[in-house]
C-alpha cells in the first residue's frame, strides 16, 4: 500500500520545478487543476503550515489554494523542486523539497530545504503538514537527518 500512496502523492503534488507564484495565481487556471486532482483528496482533507509565528491551518482544496496565494504573495518567484518521495509506513509519505524563492524587489534568489508530510486515509490525501526546514519535517516524521 505504501508505494500506492507515493503514487497518489506524486499525482497530487505540483510538478517538480513548478513556479508556484504562477501556478496559484488568480488567473492561472487553478480551478481546472483543482477539479482534476480533487478525487485524490479525502472529503475531510486538512493542512497545516508550520512556519515562524502562528501556524496556518485550513481544510479543503480551495483553502489550500488561498493559503498558497498568501504564502507566495511576497515573492516574485517561488520554484519548488522535489528531491524525493519517501514512503514512511502504511499511511504517510514524506516529500523532500528544495525551494528557490526571490522576494519582490530583490535581485538574489534564496534556496532552502523543506519538506511536507502527507497522511493518507482510504487511499486519499487526508492531511498535509508543511515544514519550512528539513530538520523540522524529519523530526515530525520520526526520522533523523
N, C-alpha and C. Protein backbone atom coordinates (compact mmCIF):
# COMPACT_ATOMS: atom_id res chain seq x y z
N UNK A 1 0.81 -1.20 0.00
CA UNK A 1 0.00 0.00 0.00
C UNK A 1 0.85 1.26 0.00
N UNK A 2 2.02 1.25 0.62
CA UNK A 2 2.82 2.48 0.73
C UNK A 2 3.28 3.00 -0.62
N UNK A 3 3.63 2.10 -1.57
CA UNK A 3 4.02 2.58 -2.90
C UNK A 3 2.82 3.18 -3.63
N UNK A 4 1.65 2.61 -3.41
CA UNK A 4 0.43 3.18 -3.99
C UNK A 4 0.20 4.58 -3.44
N UNK A 5 0.46 4.77 -2.14
CA UNK A 5 0.31 6.10 -1.54
C UNK A 5 1.30 7.09 -2.13
N UNK A 6 2.53 6.64 -2.39
CA UNK A 6 3.51 7.51 -3.03
C UNK A 6 2.99 7.96 -4.39
N UNK A 7 2.38 7.07 -5.14
CA UNK A 7 1.85 7.43 -6.46
C UNK A 7 0.71 8.44 -6.34
N UNK A 8 -0.13 8.32 -5.31
CA UNK A 8 -1.20 9.29 -5.09
C UNK A 8 -0.59 10.66 -4.80
N UNK A 9 0.41 10.70 -3.92
CA UNK A 9 1.05 11.97 -3.56
C UNK A 9 1.75 12.58 -4.78
N UNK A 10 2.43 11.78 -5.56
CA UNK A 10 3.08 12.30 -6.78
C UNK A 10 2.05 12.94 -7.71
N UNK A 11 0.90 12.31 -7.85
CA UNK A 11 -0.15 12.83 -8.73
C UNK A 11 -0.76 14.12 -8.20
N UNK A 12 -0.84 14.25 -6.87
CA UNK A 12 -1.46 15.42 -6.25
C UNK A 12 -0.50 16.59 -6.08
N UNK A 13 0.78 16.30 -5.97
CA UNK A 13 1.81 17.32 -5.71
C UNK A 13 2.08 18.13 -6.97
N UNK A 14 2.32 19.45 -6.83
CA UNK A 14 2.73 20.21 -8.03
C UNK A 14 3.97 19.59 -8.65
N UNK A 15 4.09 19.64 -9.96
CA UNK A 15 5.26 19.04 -10.62
C UNK A 15 6.57 19.67 -10.13
N UNK A 16 7.61 18.85 -10.08
CA UNK A 16 8.92 19.35 -9.69
C UNK A 16 9.34 20.45 -10.65
N UNK A 17 9.84 21.55 -10.08
CA UNK A 17 10.26 22.69 -10.88
C UNK A 17 9.14 23.68 -11.15
N UNK A 18 7.95 23.42 -10.65
CA UNK A 18 6.82 24.32 -10.90
C UNK A 18 7.08 25.68 -10.27
N UNK A 19 6.67 26.72 -10.97
CA UNK A 19 6.74 28.09 -10.49
C UNK A 19 5.44 28.36 -9.73
N UNK A 20 5.50 28.30 -8.41
CA UNK A 20 4.30 28.34 -7.58
C UNK A 20 3.60 29.69 -7.61
N UNK A 21 4.34 30.79 -7.80
CA UNK A 21 3.67 32.09 -7.86
C UNK A 21 2.73 32.14 -9.07
N UNK A 22 3.10 31.50 -10.16
CA UNK A 22 2.22 31.43 -11.34
C UNK A 22 1.16 30.35 -11.18
N UNK A 23 1.56 29.20 -10.64
CA UNK A 23 0.64 28.08 -10.51
C UNK A 23 -0.59 28.44 -9.68
N UNK A 24 -0.39 29.23 -8.62
CA UNK A 24 -1.50 29.57 -7.74
C UNK A 24 -2.06 30.97 -7.97
N UNK A 25 -1.63 31.65 -9.03
CA UNK A 25 -2.15 32.98 -9.33
C UNK A 25 -3.65 32.91 -9.63
N UNK A 26 -4.35 34.01 -9.35
CA UNK A 26 -5.80 34.07 -9.56
C UNK A 26 -6.20 33.67 -10.98
N UNK A 27 -5.43 34.09 -11.96
CA UNK A 27 -5.80 33.86 -13.37
C UNK A 27 -5.05 32.68 -13.99
N UNK A 28 -4.60 31.75 -13.16
CA UNK A 28 -3.72 30.68 -13.64
C UNK A 28 -4.43 29.44 -14.15
N UNK A 29 -5.73 29.38 -14.02
CA UNK A 29 -6.42 28.15 -14.38
C UNK A 29 -6.45 27.16 -13.24
N UNK A 30 -6.19 27.63 -12.02
CA UNK A 30 -6.18 26.74 -10.86
C UNK A 30 -7.48 25.96 -10.69
N UNK A 31 -8.66 26.56 -10.96
CA UNK A 31 -9.89 25.76 -10.78
C UNK A 31 -9.90 24.47 -11.62
N UNK A 32 -9.40 24.52 -12.83
CA UNK A 32 -9.35 23.32 -13.66
C UNK A 32 -8.41 22.28 -13.09
N UNK A 33 -7.26 22.73 -12.57
CA UNK A 33 -6.32 21.79 -11.95
C UNK A 33 -6.90 21.20 -10.68
N UNK A 34 -7.60 22.02 -9.91
CA UNK A 34 -8.23 21.52 -8.69
C UNK A 34 -9.26 20.45 -9.01
N UNK A 35 -10.04 20.69 -10.02
CA UNK A 35 -11.05 19.71 -10.42
C UNK A 35 -10.38 18.39 -10.81
N UNK A 36 -9.24 18.48 -11.48
CA UNK A 36 -8.55 17.27 -11.93
C UNK A 36 -7.97 16.46 -10.77
N UNK A 37 -7.49 17.12 -9.72
CA UNK A 37 -6.86 16.39 -8.61
C UNK A 37 -7.80 16.15 -7.44
N UNK A 38 -8.97 16.77 -7.44
CA UNK A 38 -9.91 16.65 -6.32
C UNK A 38 -10.20 15.20 -5.92
N UNK A 39 -10.33 14.26 -6.87
CA UNK A 39 -10.61 12.88 -6.46
C UNK A 39 -9.49 12.23 -5.64
N UNK A 40 -8.30 12.83 -5.62
CA UNK A 40 -7.18 12.28 -4.86
C UNK A 40 -7.22 12.68 -3.38
N UNK A 41 -8.12 13.61 -3.04
CA UNK A 41 -8.18 14.15 -1.69
C UNK A 41 -9.40 13.64 -0.94
N UNK A 42 -9.19 13.31 0.31
CA UNK A 42 -10.25 12.83 1.20
C UNK A 42 -11.24 13.97 1.46
N UNK A 43 -12.48 13.63 1.68
CA UNK A 43 -13.52 14.63 1.95
C UNK A 43 -13.19 15.48 3.18
N UNK A 44 -12.43 14.92 4.13
CA UNK A 44 -12.06 15.64 5.35
C UNK A 44 -10.63 16.16 5.31
N UNK A 45 -10.13 16.47 4.11
CA UNK A 45 -8.76 16.95 3.94
C UNK A 45 -8.50 18.22 4.74
N UNK A 46 -7.32 18.26 5.38
CA UNK A 46 -6.88 19.45 6.09
C UNK A 46 -5.38 19.63 5.94
N UNK A 47 -4.90 20.83 6.25
CA UNK A 47 -3.46 21.11 6.13
C UNK A 47 -3.02 22.04 7.24
N UNK A 48 -1.71 22.05 7.44
CA UNK A 48 -1.10 22.94 8.44
C UNK A 48 0.30 23.31 7.94
N UNK A 49 0.58 24.59 7.96
CA UNK A 49 1.92 25.08 7.61
C UNK A 49 2.60 25.49 8.91
N UNK A 50 3.68 24.80 9.23
CA UNK A 50 4.43 25.05 10.46
C UNK A 50 5.51 26.07 10.15
N UNK A 51 5.18 27.32 10.28
CA UNK A 51 6.14 28.39 9.98
C UNK A 51 6.35 29.23 11.23
N UNK A 52 7.28 30.16 11.14
CA UNK A 52 7.53 31.06 12.27
C UNK A 52 6.24 31.80 12.61
N UNK A 53 6.02 32.00 13.89
CA UNK A 53 4.79 32.66 14.30
C UNK A 53 3.66 31.66 14.39
N UNK A 54 2.47 32.12 14.12
CA UNK A 54 1.27 31.28 14.21
C UNK A 54 1.15 30.39 12.97
N UNK A 55 1.02 29.08 13.17
CA UNK A 55 0.86 28.18 12.01
C UNK A 55 -0.44 28.49 11.25
N UNK A 56 -0.42 28.22 9.97
CA UNK A 56 -1.60 28.38 9.13
C UNK A 56 -2.27 27.02 9.01
N UNK A 57 -3.55 26.98 9.28
CA UNK A 57 -4.29 25.73 9.14
C UNK A 57 -5.51 25.98 8.26
N UNK A 58 -6.00 24.90 7.66
CA UNK A 58 -7.19 25.03 6.84
C UNK A 58 -7.70 23.66 6.45
N UNK A 59 -8.83 23.68 5.76
CA UNK A 59 -9.41 22.44 5.28
C UNK A 59 -9.95 22.65 3.87
N UNK A 60 -9.84 21.62 3.08
CA UNK A 60 -10.34 21.67 1.71
C UNK A 60 -9.32 22.24 0.74
N UNK A 61 -9.47 21.84 -0.51
CA UNK A 61 -8.53 22.27 -1.55
C UNK A 61 -8.60 23.77 -1.81
N UNK A 62 -9.78 24.35 -1.79
CA UNK A 62 -9.88 25.79 -2.06
C UNK A 62 -9.13 26.59 -1.02
N UNK A 63 -9.24 26.21 0.26
CA UNK A 63 -8.49 26.91 1.30
C UNK A 63 -6.99 26.71 1.12
N UNK A 64 -6.58 25.54 0.65
CA UNK A 64 -5.16 25.30 0.40
C UNK A 64 -4.65 26.24 -0.70
N UNK A 65 -5.40 26.38 -1.76
CA UNK A 65 -5.00 27.29 -2.84
C UNK A 65 -4.93 28.73 -2.33
N UNK A 66 -5.91 29.15 -1.55
CA UNK A 66 -5.89 30.51 -0.99
C UNK A 66 -4.70 30.71 -0.07
N UNK A 67 -4.36 29.70 0.72
CA UNK A 67 -3.19 29.80 1.59
C UNK A 67 -1.92 29.94 0.76
N UNK A 68 -1.79 29.14 -0.32
CA UNK A 68 -0.61 29.25 -1.17
C UNK A 68 -0.53 30.63 -1.82
N UNK A 69 -1.66 31.20 -2.19
CA UNK A 69 -1.64 32.57 -2.74
C UNK A 69 -1.09 33.55 -1.72
N UNK A 70 -1.51 33.40 -0.47
CA UNK A 70 -1.00 34.27 0.59
C UNK A 70 0.50 34.05 0.80
N UNK A 71 0.92 32.77 0.85
CA UNK A 71 2.32 32.46 1.10
C UNK A 71 3.24 32.98 -0.01
N UNK A 72 2.79 32.90 -1.25
CA UNK A 72 3.64 33.30 -2.37
C UNK A 72 3.58 34.78 -2.68
N UNK A 73 2.63 35.52 -2.12
CA UNK A 73 2.43 36.93 -2.44
C UNK A 73 3.69 37.78 -2.26
N UNK A 74 4.49 37.61 -1.21
CA UNK A 74 5.68 38.48 -1.06
C UNK A 74 6.83 38.15 -2.02
N UNK A 75 6.65 37.15 -2.87
CA UNK A 75 7.75 36.69 -3.70
C UNK A 75 7.49 36.93 -5.18
N UNK A 76 8.54 37.33 -5.86
CA UNK A 76 8.47 37.47 -7.31
C UNK A 76 8.46 36.09 -7.96
N UNK A 77 9.28 35.19 -7.43
CA UNK A 77 9.29 33.81 -7.91
C UNK A 77 9.40 32.86 -6.73
N UNK A 78 8.84 31.68 -6.91
CA UNK A 78 8.93 30.61 -5.90
C UNK A 78 8.86 29.30 -6.67
N UNK A 79 10.00 28.68 -6.83
CA UNK A 79 10.09 27.42 -7.57
C UNK A 79 10.45 26.30 -6.60
N UNK A 80 9.71 25.21 -6.69
CA UNK A 80 9.94 24.07 -5.82
C UNK A 80 10.39 22.87 -6.63
N UNK A 81 11.47 22.27 -6.22
CA UNK A 81 11.96 21.05 -6.84
C UNK A 81 11.79 19.90 -5.85
N UNK A 82 11.15 18.83 -6.31
CA UNK A 82 11.01 17.65 -5.47
C UNK A 82 12.31 16.86 -5.55
N UNK A 83 12.90 16.59 -4.40
CA UNK A 83 14.10 15.77 -4.36
C UNK A 83 13.76 14.29 -4.24
N UNK A 84 12.71 14.00 -3.42
CA UNK A 84 12.39 12.59 -3.21
C UNK A 84 11.04 12.44 -2.52
N UNK A 85 10.35 11.39 -2.89
CA UNK A 85 9.13 10.95 -2.20
C UNK A 85 9.53 9.73 -1.38
N UNK A 86 9.23 9.74 -0.09
CA UNK A 86 9.64 8.67 0.80
C UNK A 86 8.41 8.05 1.46
N UNK A 87 8.16 6.78 1.18
CA UNK A 87 7.08 6.05 1.85
C UNK A 87 7.54 5.74 3.26
N UNK A 88 6.83 6.22 4.26
CA UNK A 88 7.24 6.00 5.65
C UNK A 88 6.59 4.77 6.25
N UNK A 89 5.32 4.63 6.06
CA UNK A 89 4.59 3.49 6.57
C UNK A 89 3.30 3.37 5.76
N UNK A 90 2.31 2.73 6.31
CA UNK A 90 1.09 2.45 5.54
C UNK A 90 0.28 3.69 5.18
N UNK A 91 0.46 4.79 5.91
CA UNK A 91 -0.39 5.93 5.62
C UNK A 91 0.34 7.28 5.57
N UNK A 92 1.68 7.26 5.52
CA UNK A 92 2.41 8.54 5.48
C UNK A 92 3.47 8.53 4.37
N UNK A 93 3.58 9.69 3.71
CA UNK A 93 4.59 9.89 2.67
C UNK A 93 5.27 11.22 2.97
N UNK A 94 6.59 11.22 2.98
CA UNK A 94 7.37 12.43 3.20
C UNK A 94 7.87 12.91 1.85
N UNK A 95 7.71 14.21 1.58
CA UNK A 95 8.19 14.78 0.32
C UNK A 95 9.30 15.76 0.67
N UNK A 96 10.51 15.45 0.21
CA UNK A 96 11.68 16.31 0.44
C UNK A 96 11.78 17.28 -0.72
N UNK A 97 11.83 18.58 -0.41
CA UNK A 97 11.84 19.59 -1.47
C UNK A 97 13.00 20.57 -1.29
N UNK A 98 13.30 21.24 -2.37
CA UNK A 98 14.29 22.32 -2.40
C UNK A 98 13.57 23.51 -3.02
N UNK A 99 13.38 24.58 -2.23
CA UNK A 99 12.70 25.79 -2.71
C UNK A 99 13.72 26.82 -3.17
N UNK A 100 13.36 27.52 -4.22
CA UNK A 100 14.15 28.64 -4.74
C UNK A 100 13.20 29.83 -4.80
N UNK A 101 13.40 30.81 -3.93
CA UNK A 101 12.50 31.97 -3.87
C UNK A 101 13.28 33.26 -4.11
N UNK A 102 12.59 34.22 -4.70
CA UNK A 102 13.17 35.55 -4.85
C UNK A 102 12.11 36.54 -4.37
N UNK A 103 12.38 37.19 -3.24
CA UNK A 103 11.44 38.19 -2.73
C UNK A 103 11.27 39.34 -3.73
N UNK A 104 10.10 39.95 -3.71
CA UNK A 104 9.84 41.09 -4.60
C UNK A 104 10.87 42.17 -4.34
N UNK A 105 11.45 42.71 -5.41
CA UNK A 105 12.42 43.77 -5.31
C UNK A 105 13.84 43.31 -5.02
N UNK A 106 14.04 42.03 -4.80
CA UNK A 106 15.38 41.51 -4.50
C UNK A 106 15.99 40.96 -5.78
N UNK A 107 17.29 41.07 -5.89
CA UNK A 107 17.98 40.56 -7.06
C UNK A 107 18.40 39.11 -6.92
N UNK A 108 18.60 38.69 -5.69
CA UNK A 108 19.13 37.34 -5.46
C UNK A 108 18.03 36.36 -5.07
N UNK A 109 18.27 35.14 -5.45
CA UNK A 109 17.37 34.06 -5.11
C UNK A 109 17.85 33.40 -3.81
N UNK A 110 16.92 32.94 -3.00
CA UNK A 110 17.24 32.26 -1.75
C UNK A 110 16.83 30.79 -1.91
N UNK A 111 17.71 29.90 -1.48
CA UNK A 111 17.42 28.48 -1.56
C UNK A 111 17.21 27.94 -0.14
N UNK A 112 16.22 27.06 0.00
CA UNK A 112 16.00 26.43 1.30
C UNK A 112 15.55 24.99 1.09
N UNK A 113 15.81 24.18 2.10
CA UNK A 113 15.40 22.78 2.09
C UNK A 113 14.24 22.61 3.05
N UNK A 114 13.14 22.10 2.56
CA UNK A 114 11.97 21.88 3.39
C UNK A 114 11.38 20.52 3.09
N UNK A 115 10.21 20.28 3.63
CA UNK A 115 9.52 19.03 3.33
C UNK A 115 8.06 19.14 3.74
N UNK A 116 7.32 18.19 3.27
CA UNK A 116 5.91 18.10 3.65
C UNK A 116 5.62 16.64 3.99
N UNK A 117 4.77 16.48 4.98
CA UNK A 117 4.38 15.15 5.45
C UNK A 117 2.91 14.95 5.08
N UNK A 118 2.66 13.96 4.24
CA UNK A 118 1.32 13.69 3.73
C UNK A 118 0.78 12.45 4.44
N UNK A 119 -0.45 12.56 4.91
CA UNK A 119 -1.13 11.42 5.54
C UNK A 119 -2.30 11.03 4.64
N UNK A 120 -2.43 9.75 4.42
CA UNK A 120 -3.49 9.25 3.57
C UNK A 120 -4.47 8.40 4.37
N UNK A 121 -5.72 8.45 3.93
CA UNK A 121 -6.77 7.63 4.53
C UNK A 121 -7.63 7.12 3.39
N UNK A 122 -7.87 5.84 3.38
CA UNK A 122 -8.68 5.22 2.33
C UNK A 122 -8.12 5.51 0.94
N UNK A 123 -6.78 5.58 0.85
CA UNK A 123 -6.12 5.79 -0.43
C UNK A 123 -6.19 7.21 -0.95
N UNK A 124 -6.59 8.17 -0.10
CA UNK A 124 -6.69 9.57 -0.50
C UNK A 124 -5.94 10.45 0.49
N UNK A 125 -5.52 11.62 0.03
CA UNK A 125 -4.78 12.56 0.88
C UNK A 125 -5.74 13.14 1.92
N UNK A 126 -5.43 12.90 3.19
CA UNK A 126 -6.29 13.38 4.27
C UNK A 126 -5.70 14.61 4.98
N UNK A 127 -4.36 14.74 4.95
CA UNK A 127 -3.71 15.86 5.63
C UNK A 127 -2.32 16.08 5.04
N UNK A 128 -1.94 17.36 4.99
CA UNK A 128 -0.58 17.72 4.62
C UNK A 128 -0.05 18.67 5.68
N UNK A 129 1.14 18.37 6.20
CA UNK A 129 1.85 19.28 7.09
C UNK A 129 3.07 19.78 6.34
N UNK A 130 3.17 21.10 6.21
CA UNK A 130 4.29 21.73 5.52
C UNK A 130 5.31 22.22 6.55
N UNK A 131 6.58 21.88 6.34
CA UNK A 131 7.64 22.28 7.27
C UNK A 131 8.65 23.14 6.52
N UNK A 132 8.99 24.31 7.08
CA UNK A 132 9.91 25.21 6.39
C UNK A 132 11.36 24.74 6.41
N UNK A 133 11.68 23.85 7.34
CA UNK A 133 13.05 23.32 7.38
C UNK A 133 13.00 21.80 7.31
N UNK A 134 14.01 21.24 6.71
CA UNK A 134 14.10 19.79 6.58
C UNK A 134 14.14 19.13 7.94
N UNK A 135 14.90 19.71 8.88
CA UNK A 135 15.04 19.09 10.20
C UNK A 135 13.71 19.01 10.94
N UNK A 136 12.87 20.04 10.83
CA UNK A 136 11.56 20.01 11.49
C UNK A 136 10.67 18.92 10.91
N UNK A 137 10.69 18.79 9.60
CA UNK A 137 9.87 17.78 8.95
C UNK A 137 10.34 16.37 9.26
N UNK A 138 11.65 16.17 9.24
CA UNK A 138 12.19 14.85 9.58
C UNK A 138 11.85 14.47 11.02
N UNK A 139 11.97 15.44 11.90
CA UNK A 139 11.63 15.18 13.33
C UNK A 139 10.17 14.80 13.46
N UNK A 140 9.28 15.52 12.77
CA UNK A 140 7.85 15.21 12.83
C UNK A 140 7.55 13.81 12.26
N UNK A 141 8.36 13.40 11.31
CA UNK A 141 8.17 12.07 10.69
C UNK A 141 8.84 10.97 11.51
N UNK A 142 9.55 11.35 12.57
CA UNK A 142 10.23 10.36 13.40
C UNK A 142 11.55 9.90 12.81
N UNK A 143 12.16 10.76 11.99
CA UNK A 143 13.43 10.43 11.33
C UNK A 143 14.52 11.40 11.77
N UNK A 144 15.75 11.05 11.49
CA UNK A 144 16.87 11.96 11.71
C UNK A 144 17.53 12.24 10.37
N UNK A 145 18.31 13.31 10.34
CA UNK A 145 18.96 13.70 9.09
C UNK A 145 20.02 12.77 8.72
